[in-house]
Amino acid sequence: MSILTQNSMTNHHALGLLYQIGDTLHVWHERYRNRRELSNWTARDLQDVGLSWSDVAYEAEKPFWRA
């Protein structure tokens, strides 16, 4: 007689990997969205937060996978 259940036979490492991939994709999407939004700010918006156009250009040109 086996005492194994369906839950105990689940590959928890694979689930952890899927969650990590999902988290990474979410972070990448947020970076992309934030950089795109930042590039649409006005000079006044940038002045309010202490950024220059060169700061925005530097940030906006980075690929989404780079922090």
N, C-alpha and C. Protein backbone atom coordinates (compact mmCIF):
# COMPACT_ATOMS: atom_id res chain seq x y z
N MET A 1 0.84 -1.18 0.00
CA MET A 1 0.00 0.00 0.00
C MET A 1 0.89 1.25 0.00
N SER A 2 0.64 2.19 -0.93
CA SER A 2 1.45 3.39 -1.05
C SER A 2 0.82 4.54 -0.27
N ILE A 3 1.69 5.32 0.36
CA ILE A 3 1.19 6.49 1.10
C ILE A 3 1.44 7.78 0.33
N LEU A 4 1.94 7.66 -0.91
CA LEU A 4 2.18 8.85 -1.72
C LEU A 4 0.87 9.45 -2.18
N THR A 5 0.81 10.73 -2.18
CA THR A 5 -0.38 11.43 -2.67
C THR A 5 0.00 12.19 -3.94
N GLN A 6 -0.97 12.67 -4.62
CA GLN A 6 -0.73 13.45 -5.84
C GLN A 6 0.13 14.67 -5.52
N ASN A 7 -0.11 15.32 -4.41
CA ASN A 7 0.63 16.52 -4.03
C ASN A 7 2.09 16.21 -3.76
N SER A 8 2.38 15.08 -3.14
CA SER A 8 3.76 14.77 -2.80
C SER A 8 4.56 14.39 -4.04
N MET A 9 3.91 14.08 -5.14
CA MET A 9 4.60 13.70 -6.36
C MET A 9 4.81 14.90 -7.29
N THR A 10 4.33 16.07 -6.91
CA THR A 10 4.48 17.27 -7.72
C THR A 10 5.93 17.71 -7.70
N ASN A 11 6.45 18.13 -8.85
CA ASN A 11 7.81 18.62 -8.94
C ASN A 11 7.82 20.08 -8.49
N HIS A 12 8.14 20.31 -7.24
CA HIS A 12 8.10 21.67 -6.68
C HIS A 12 9.21 22.55 -7.24
N HIS A 13 10.31 21.94 -7.67
CA HIS A 13 11.39 22.73 -8.27
C HIS A 13 10.94 23.35 -9.59
N ALA A 14 10.18 22.61 -10.36
CA ALA A 14 9.69 23.13 -11.63
C ALA A 14 8.71 24.28 -11.38
N LEU A 15 7.88 24.15 -10.36
CA LEU A 15 6.95 25.24 -10.04
C LEU A 15 7.72 26.48 -9.60
N GLY A 16 8.75 26.29 -8.81
CA GLY A 16 9.57 27.43 -8.38
C GLY A 16 10.22 28.12 -9.56
N LEU A 17 10.70 27.33 -10.51
CA LEU A 17 11.31 27.89 -11.71
C LEU A 17 10.28 28.68 -12.52
N LEU A 18 9.08 28.16 -12.63
CA LEU A 18 8.04 28.88 -13.37
C LEU A 18 7.69 30.20 -12.69
N TYR A 19 7.64 30.21 -11.37
CA TYR A 19 7.38 31.45 -10.65
C TYR A 19 8.52 32.45 -10.86
N GLN A 20 9.76 31.98 -10.85
CA GLN A 20 10.90 32.87 -11.08
C GLN A 20 10.85 33.47 -12.48
N ILE A 21 10.51 32.65 -13.46
CA ILE A 21 10.40 33.14 -14.83
C ILE A 21 9.28 34.18 -14.93
N GLY A 22 8.16 33.89 -14.30
CA GLY A 22 7.05 34.84 -14.30
C GLY A 22 7.43 36.15 -13.63
N ASP A 23 8.14 36.08 -12.51
CA ASP A 23 8.58 37.29 -11.81
C ASP A 23 9.54 38.09 -12.68
N THR A 24 10.46 37.41 -13.34
CA THR A 24 11.42 38.09 -14.21
C THR A 24 10.71 38.78 -15.36
N LEU A 25 9.77 38.09 -16.00
CA LEU A 25 9.02 38.71 -17.09
C LEU A 25 8.24 39.92 -16.61
N HIS A 26 7.69 39.85 -15.41
CA HIS A 26 6.96 40.99 -14.85
C HIS A 26 7.90 42.18 -14.64
N VAL A 27 9.07 41.94 -14.08
CA VAL A 27 10.04 43.02 -13.86
C VAL A 27 10.45 43.64 -15.19
N TRP A 28 10.72 42.80 -16.19
CA TRP A 28 11.10 43.32 -17.50
C TRP A 28 10.00 44.18 -18.10
N HIS A 29 8.76 43.74 -17.97
CA HIS A 29 7.64 44.52 -18.51
C HIS A 29 7.51 45.86 -17.78
N GLU A 30 7.68 45.85 -16.47
CA GLU A 30 7.60 47.09 -15.70
C GLU A 30 8.70 48.06 -16.11
N ARG A 31 9.92 47.56 -16.31
CA ARG A 31 11.02 48.43 -16.75
C ARG A 31 10.70 49.05 -18.11
N TYR A 32 10.21 48.22 -19.03
CA TYR A 32 9.86 48.71 -20.35
C TYR A 32 8.79 49.80 -20.26
N ARG A 33 7.74 49.53 -19.49
CA ARG A 33 6.64 50.48 -19.36
C ARG A 33 7.10 51.78 -18.69
N ASN A 34 7.88 51.65 -17.62
CA ASN A 34 8.35 52.85 -16.90
C ASN A 34 9.26 53.70 -17.76
N ARG A 35 10.14 53.07 -18.52
CA ARG A 35 11.06 53.84 -19.37
C ARG A 35 10.31 54.52 -20.50
N ARG A 36 9.31 53.84 -21.05
CA ARG A 36 8.51 54.45 -22.11
C ARG A 36 7.74 55.65 -21.55
N GLU A 37 7.18 55.50 -20.36
CA GLU A 37 6.45 56.61 -19.74
C GLU A 37 7.38 57.77 -19.42
N LEU A 38 8.56 57.47 -18.91
CA LEU A 38 9.52 58.52 -18.57
C LEU A 38 9.90 59.34 -19.80
N SER A 39 10.00 58.70 -20.94
CA SER A 39 10.37 59.42 -22.16
C SER A 39 9.28 60.39 -22.62
N ASN A 40 8.08 60.28 -22.06
CA ASN A 40 6.98 61.18 -22.42
C ASN A 40 6.79 62.32 -21.42
N TRP A 41 7.62 62.39 -20.40
CA TRP A 41 7.48 63.46 -19.42
C TRP A 41 7.87 64.80 -20.02
N THR A 42 7.29 65.84 -19.48
CA THR A 42 7.61 67.20 -19.92
C THR A 42 8.84 67.70 -19.17
N ALA A 43 9.37 68.83 -19.66
CA ALA A 43 10.52 69.44 -19.00
C ALA A 43 10.18 69.80 -17.55
N ARG A 44 8.95 70.23 -17.33
CA ARG A 44 8.51 70.59 -15.97
C ARG A 44 8.51 69.36 -15.06
N ASP A 45 7.99 68.24 -15.58
CA ASP A 45 7.98 67.00 -14.81
C ASP A 45 9.40 66.60 -14.41
N LEU A 46 10.31 66.67 -15.39
CA LEU A 46 11.69 66.29 -15.12
C LEU A 46 12.34 67.22 -14.10
N GLN A 47 12.05 68.50 -14.21
CA GLN A 47 12.59 69.47 -13.27
C GLN A 47 12.08 69.19 -11.85
N ASP A 48 10.82 68.80 -11.74
CA ASP A 48 10.24 68.51 -10.42
C ASP A 48 10.95 67.37 -9.71
N VAL A 49 11.41 66.39 -10.47
CA VAL A 49 12.08 65.24 -9.84
C VAL A 49 13.60 65.31 -9.96
N GLY A 50 14.12 66.38 -10.54
CA GLY A 50 15.56 66.59 -10.61
C GLY A 50 16.27 65.78 -11.67
N LEU A 51 15.60 65.53 -12.79
CA LEU A 51 16.22 64.80 -13.90
C LEU A 51 16.42 65.72 -15.09
N SER A 52 17.40 65.38 -15.91
CA SER A 52 17.64 66.13 -17.14
C SER A 52 17.24 65.26 -18.33
N TRP A 53 17.21 65.88 -19.51
CA TRP A 53 16.90 65.12 -20.71
C TRP A 53 17.95 64.05 -20.96
N SER A 54 19.21 64.34 -20.62
CA SER A 54 20.25 63.34 -20.82
C SER A 54 20.05 62.15 -19.88
N ASP A 55 19.56 62.40 -18.66
CA ASP A 55 19.24 61.30 -17.75
C ASP A 55 18.15 60.41 -18.35
N VAL A 56 17.14 61.04 -18.91
CA VAL A 56 16.03 60.31 -19.51
C VAL A 56 16.52 59.52 -20.72
N ALA A 57 17.33 60.15 -21.56
CA ALA A 57 17.83 59.47 -22.75
C ALA A 57 18.67 58.26 -22.35
N TYR A 58 19.50 58.41 -21.35
CA TYR A 58 20.33 57.30 -20.88
C TYR A 58 19.46 56.14 -20.39
N GLU A 59 18.46 56.46 -19.60
CA GLU A 59 17.58 55.43 -19.05
C GLU A 59 16.71 54.79 -20.14
N ALA A 60 16.18 55.59 -21.03
CA ALA A 60 15.28 55.09 -22.07
C ALA A 60 16.00 54.21 -23.08
N GLU A 61 17.29 54.42 -23.28
CA GLU A 61 18.03 53.64 -24.25
C GLU A 61 18.47 52.28 -23.71
N LYS A 62 18.36 52.08 -22.41
CA LYS A 62 18.76 50.79 -21.85
C LYS A 62 17.77 49.71 -22.27
N PRO A 63 18.26 48.50 -22.56
CA PRO A 63 17.33 47.41 -22.85
C PRO A 63 16.56 47.01 -21.60
N PHE A 64 15.40 46.43 -21.79
CA PHE A 64 14.51 46.11 -20.68
C PHE A 64 15.12 45.15 -19.67
N TRP A 65 16.07 44.34 -20.09
CA TRP A 65 16.64 43.36 -19.16
C TRP A 65 17.73 43.95 -18.29
N ARG A 66 18.17 45.17 -18.58
CA ARG A 66 19.22 45.81 -17.79
C ARG A 66 18.60 46.73 -16.75
N ALA A 67 19.05 46.55 -15.52
CA ALA A 67 18.53 47.36 -14.41
C ALA A 67 19.13 48.74 -14.42
